[in-house]
Amino acid sequence: MPPASPDLTPDLLLRAYAAGIFPMAETRDSTQIHWVDPQLRGILPLDRFHTSRSLAKRIARVDWRIATDTDFDGVLVGCADRAETWINDGIRGATLALHARGHAHSLEVWESDDLVGGVYGVAMGAAFFGESMFSRRTDASKVALAWLVHRLRAGGFRLFDTQFLTPHLASLGAVEVSRFRYRALLAEAMAQSATWNPPGYSPAPVPHRSTQTS
């Protein structure tokens, strides 16, 4: 497990997220961190997640099991397991420290004992800052995202920050907002409270059925 960088502490990370900025490295081997504050910010409105019929079938697969925070480091490793990644050892170490404090969470998709997909991020107030997701089976990351949105809604979250808008996220309902608008949404969310583990939480068989299309 890599240690947190002395220049990237958990407290610094929390202050950065609260201010609307986030860290990235150029490569996995880079020792430098860049702080990012996009002019256009990706968010996924929690009442607009798009579930196609094909995705609903994936979600309902009986051989996939959904879990949270059982292998946080495994999700980090899965997210960084690509040709180019912004997750270097410093970011990984600081994020693991945030997880140990209860601020960073993972949602995992399991096939038997194999971790086949997942997503992770940081929770503060009623804001969830999505960091990255990965998939080792078709649509596993989409399934993870669907269950993440379902959990965030149940826990009273008000803002799901996706940092950037990609075609993949746009197909699921994500949109772009200006930096000014994002800061307003962030301030509103940070002034409220939410919980990652809502009391009595019981996921539906297929979340967001009302937004399905063919």
Protein backbone atom coordinates (compact mmCIF):
# COMPACT_ATOMS: atom_id res chain seq x y z
CA MET A 1 0.00 0.00 0.00
CA PRO A 2 1.62 3.31 -1.03
CA PRO A 3 1.90 5.98 1.67
CA ALA A 4 0.14 9.30 1.23
CA SER A 5 2.45 11.93 -0.26
CA PRO A 6 3.62 14.51 2.28
CA ASP A 7 2.42 17.12 -0.22
CA LEU A 8 -0.99 15.48 -0.72
CA THR A 9 -2.55 14.84 2.65
CA PRO A 10 -6.12 13.69 3.32
CA ASP A 11 -6.90 17.07 4.92
CA LEU A 12 -5.62 18.90 1.85
CA LEU A 13 -7.74 16.66 -0.39
CA LEU A 14 -10.87 17.41 1.61
CA ARG A 15 -10.23 21.17 1.46
CA ALA A 16 -9.68 20.92 -2.28
CA TYR A 17 -12.91 19.03 -2.94
CA ALA A 18 -14.82 21.52 -0.78
CA ALA A 19 -13.35 24.34 -2.88
CA GLY A 20 -14.31 22.65 -6.16
CA ILE A 21 -10.90 21.44 -7.33
CA PHE A 22 -9.39 17.98 -7.60
CA PRO A 23 -5.94 16.44 -8.18
CA MET A 24 -4.60 14.60 -11.21
CA ALA A 25 -1.17 13.31 -12.19
CA GLU A 26 0.15 13.27 -15.75
CA THR A 27 0.98 9.56 -15.57
CA ARG A 28 1.08 6.75 -13.02
CA ASP A 29 4.83 7.34 -12.61
CA SER A 30 4.63 11.12 -12.27
CA THR A 31 5.63 12.59 -8.93
CA GLN A 32 3.83 15.88 -9.55
CA ILE A 33 0.18 16.65 -8.86
CA HIS A 34 -1.87 19.11 -10.89
CA TRP A 35 -4.94 20.78 -9.37
CA VAL A 36 -7.84 20.92 -11.82
CA ASP A 37 -10.69 23.45 -11.84
CA PRO A 38 -12.54 22.98 -15.17
CA GLN A 39 -14.47 25.83 -16.74
CA LEU A 40 -17.14 23.25 -17.63
CA ARG A 41 -17.92 20.62 -14.99
CA GLY A 42 -19.56 17.26 -15.47
CA ILE A 43 -22.36 16.35 -13.08
CA LEU A 44 -24.91 13.54 -13.10
CA PRO A 45 -28.29 14.78 -11.87
CA LEU A 46 -29.47 12.07 -9.51
CA ASP A 47 -33.02 12.15 -10.89
CA ARG A 48 -31.88 11.83 -14.52
CA PHE A 49 -29.89 8.62 -14.63
CA HIS A 50 -30.74 6.84 -17.88
CA THR A 51 -31.35 3.10 -17.70
CA SER A 52 -31.84 1.42 -21.08
CA ARG A 53 -33.62 -1.91 -21.29
CA SER A 54 -30.33 -3.62 -22.10
CA LEU A 55 -28.69 -2.07 -19.04
CA ALA A 56 -31.65 -3.12 -16.89
CA LYS A 57 -31.06 -6.70 -17.99
CA ARG A 58 -27.40 -6.40 -17.02
CA ILE A 59 -28.36 -4.98 -13.62
CA ALA A 60 -30.68 -7.91 -13.02
CA ARG A 61 -28.00 -10.54 -13.70
CA VAL A 62 -28.25 -13.08 -10.92
CA ASP A 63 -24.56 -13.98 -11.10
CA TRP A 64 -23.40 -10.45 -10.26
CA ARG A 65 -23.23 -9.30 -6.65
CA ILE A 66 -23.10 -5.65 -5.57
CA ALA A 67 -21.07 -4.67 -2.51
CA THR A 68 -19.63 -1.49 -1.02
CA ASP A 69 -16.27 -0.82 0.61
CA THR A 70 -15.22 -4.47 0.71
CA ASP A 71 -12.21 -4.01 -1.61
CA PHE A 72 -11.59 -0.29 -1.93
CA ASP A 73 -7.95 -0.71 -2.93
CA GLY A 74 -8.98 -3.31 -5.51
CA VAL A 75 -11.26 -0.75 -7.13
CA LEU A 76 -8.44 1.81 -7.13
CA VAL A 77 -6.15 -0.72 -8.79
CA GLY A 78 -8.84 -1.58 -11.35
CA CYS A 79 -9.38 2.09 -12.19
CA ALA A 80 -5.64 2.61 -12.68
CA ASP A 81 -5.20 -0.56 -14.74
CA ARG A 82 -5.12 1.08 -18.15
CA ALA A 83 -2.51 2.34 -20.61
CA GLU A 84 -2.77 5.92 -19.33
CA THR A 85 -3.93 6.88 -15.86
CA TRP A 86 -3.86 9.98 -13.66
CA ILE A 87 -3.78 7.85 -10.49
CA ASN A 88 -0.19 7.86 -9.25
CA ASP A 89 1.10 6.50 -5.95
CA GLY A 90 0.57 9.82 -4.15
CA ILE A 91 -3.08 10.06 -5.16
CA ARG A 92 -3.65 6.39 -4.39
CA GLY A 93 -2.08 6.70 -0.94
CA ALA A 94 -4.01 9.84 -0.02
CA THR A 95 -7.26 8.34 -1.28
CA LEU A 96 -6.69 5.17 0.75
CA ALA A 97 -6.19 7.40 3.79
CA LEU A 98 -9.50 9.14 3.04
CA HIS A 99 -11.18 5.74 2.84
CA ALA A 100 -9.74 4.82 6.24
CA ARG A 101 -11.33 8.01 7.60
CA GLY A 102 -14.71 7.12 6.10
CA HIS A 103 -14.74 9.83 3.42
CA ALA A 104 -13.92 7.72 0.34
CA HIS A 105 -16.10 4.83 -0.78
CA SER A 106 -16.24 2.15 -3.42
CA LEU A 107 -19.13 0.31 -4.99
CA GLU A 108 -18.10 -3.02 -6.45
CA VAL A 109 -19.51 -5.52 -8.93
CA TRP A 110 -18.52 -9.10 -8.15
CA GLU A 111 -18.84 -12.25 -10.24
CA SER A 112 -18.30 -15.04 -7.74
CA ASP A 113 -14.95 -14.09 -6.17
CA ASP A 114 -13.84 -11.90 -9.09
CA LEU A 115 -14.04 -8.11 -8.93
CA VAL A 116 -15.35 -7.32 -12.43
CA GLY A 117 -16.23 -3.64 -12.11
CA GLY A 118 -16.52 -0.76 -9.74
CA VAL A 119 -16.57 2.96 -9.06
CA TYR A 120 -15.13 5.07 -6.25
CA GLY A 121 -15.34 8.62 -4.98
CA VAL A 122 -15.35 10.96 -2.00
CA ALA A 123 -18.37 11.94 0.08
CA MET A 124 -18.64 15.27 1.91
CA GLY A 125 -21.84 16.88 3.12
CA ALA A 126 -24.47 15.95 0.53
CA ALA A 127 -21.94 15.92 -2.32
CA PHE A 128 -20.34 12.86 -3.86
CA PHE A 129 -17.22 13.45 -5.93
CA GLY A 130 -16.95 10.59 -8.40
CA GLU A 131 -13.34 9.84 -9.25
CA SER A 132 -13.11 6.84 -11.57
CA MET A 133 -14.70 3.56 -12.59
CA PHE A 134 -13.59 0.40 -14.37
CA SER A 135 -15.05 -2.66 -16.04
CA ARG A 136 -13.74 -6.15 -16.68
CA ARG A 137 -17.06 -7.39 -18.08
CA THR A 138 -19.41 -5.75 -20.56
CA ASP A 139 -21.41 -2.98 -18.84
CA ALA A 140 -20.01 -3.73 -15.36
CA SER A 141 -19.05 -0.09 -14.83
CA LYS A 142 -22.52 1.02 -15.95
CA VAL A 143 -24.09 -1.37 -13.47
CA ALA A 144 -21.83 0.00 -10.73
CA LEU A 145 -22.83 3.54 -11.63
CA ALA A 146 -26.54 2.65 -11.61
CA TRP A 147 -26.31 1.21 -8.11
CA LEU A 148 -24.19 4.15 -6.99
CA VAL A 149 -26.85 6.62 -8.11
CA HIS A 150 -29.51 4.50 -6.41
CA ARG A 151 -27.54 4.55 -3.13
CA LEU A 152 -26.81 8.29 -3.33
CA ARG A 153 -30.47 9.06 -3.84
CA ALA A 154 -31.45 6.86 -0.90
CA GLY A 155 -28.82 8.54 1.28
CA GLY A 156 -30.00 12.07 0.56
CA PHE A 157 -27.13 13.24 -1.63
CA ARG A 158 -27.78 16.35 -3.71
CA LEU A 159 -24.76 16.57 -6.02
CA PHE A 160 -22.96 13.85 -7.99
CA ASP A 161 -19.82 15.40 -9.45
CA THR A 162 -18.32 13.47 -12.38
CA GLN A 163 -15.55 16.04 -13.01
CA PHE A 164 -15.73 15.86 -16.80
CA LEU A 165 -18.46 14.92 -19.30
CA THR A 166 -17.57 11.94 -21.48
CA PRO A 167 -19.78 10.36 -24.17
CA HIS A 168 -20.13 7.35 -21.86
CA LEU A 169 -21.42 9.49 -18.98
CA ALA A 170 -23.59 11.61 -21.29
CA SER A 171 -25.36 8.44 -22.46
CA LEU A 172 -26.29 7.80 -18.83
CA GLY A 173 -27.70 11.27 -18.21
CA ALA A 174 -24.69 13.36 -17.20
CA VAL A 175 -24.52 17.00 -18.27
CA GLU A 176 -22.08 19.91 -18.22
CA VAL A 177 -22.53 23.04 -16.13
CA SER A 178 -20.44 26.18 -15.90
CA ARG A 179 -17.87 26.62 -13.16
CA PHE A 180 -20.10 29.33 -11.64
CA ARG A 181 -23.13 27.04 -11.61
CA TYR A 182 -21.10 24.15 -10.23
CA ARG A 183 -19.82 26.26 -7.35
CA ALA A 184 -23.40 27.20 -6.45
CA LEU A 185 -24.52 23.55 -6.53
CA LEU A 186 -21.48 22.56 -4.48
CA ALA A 187 -22.16 25.19 -1.82
CA GLU A 188 -25.78 24.02 -1.52
CA ALA A 189 -24.72 20.37 -1.21
CA MET A 190 -21.94 21.07 1.28
CA ALA A 191 -24.40 22.89 3.53
CA GLN A 192 -26.53 19.73 3.81
CA SER A 193 -25.92 16.24 5.16
CA ALA A 194 -26.25 12.82 3.59
CA THR A 195 -25.25 9.28 4.46
CA TRP A 196 -23.45 6.59 2.48
CA ASN A 197 -25.23 3.88 4.48
CA PRO A 198 -28.88 5.00 4.79
CA PRO A 199 -30.84 3.21 7.53
CA GLY A 200 -33.04 0.46 6.13
CA TYR A 201 -31.58 0.84 2.65
CA SER A 202 -32.89 -1.92 0.41
CA PRO A 203 -32.04 -1.68 -3.30
CA ALA A 204 -34.77 -2.32 -5.83
CA PRO A 205 -34.17 -5.19 -8.31
CA VAL A 206 -33.65 -2.68 -11.13
CA PRO A 207 -33.03 0.96 -10.12
CA HIS A 208 -34.50 3.89 -12.06
CA ARG A 209 -37.00 1.77 -13.98
CA SER A 210 -38.97 4.92 -14.86
CA THR A 211 -36.10 6.16 -17.03
CA GLN A 212 -35.75 3.01 -19.16
CA THR A 213 -35.85 3.16 -22.92
CA SER A 214 -35.21 0.54 -25.54
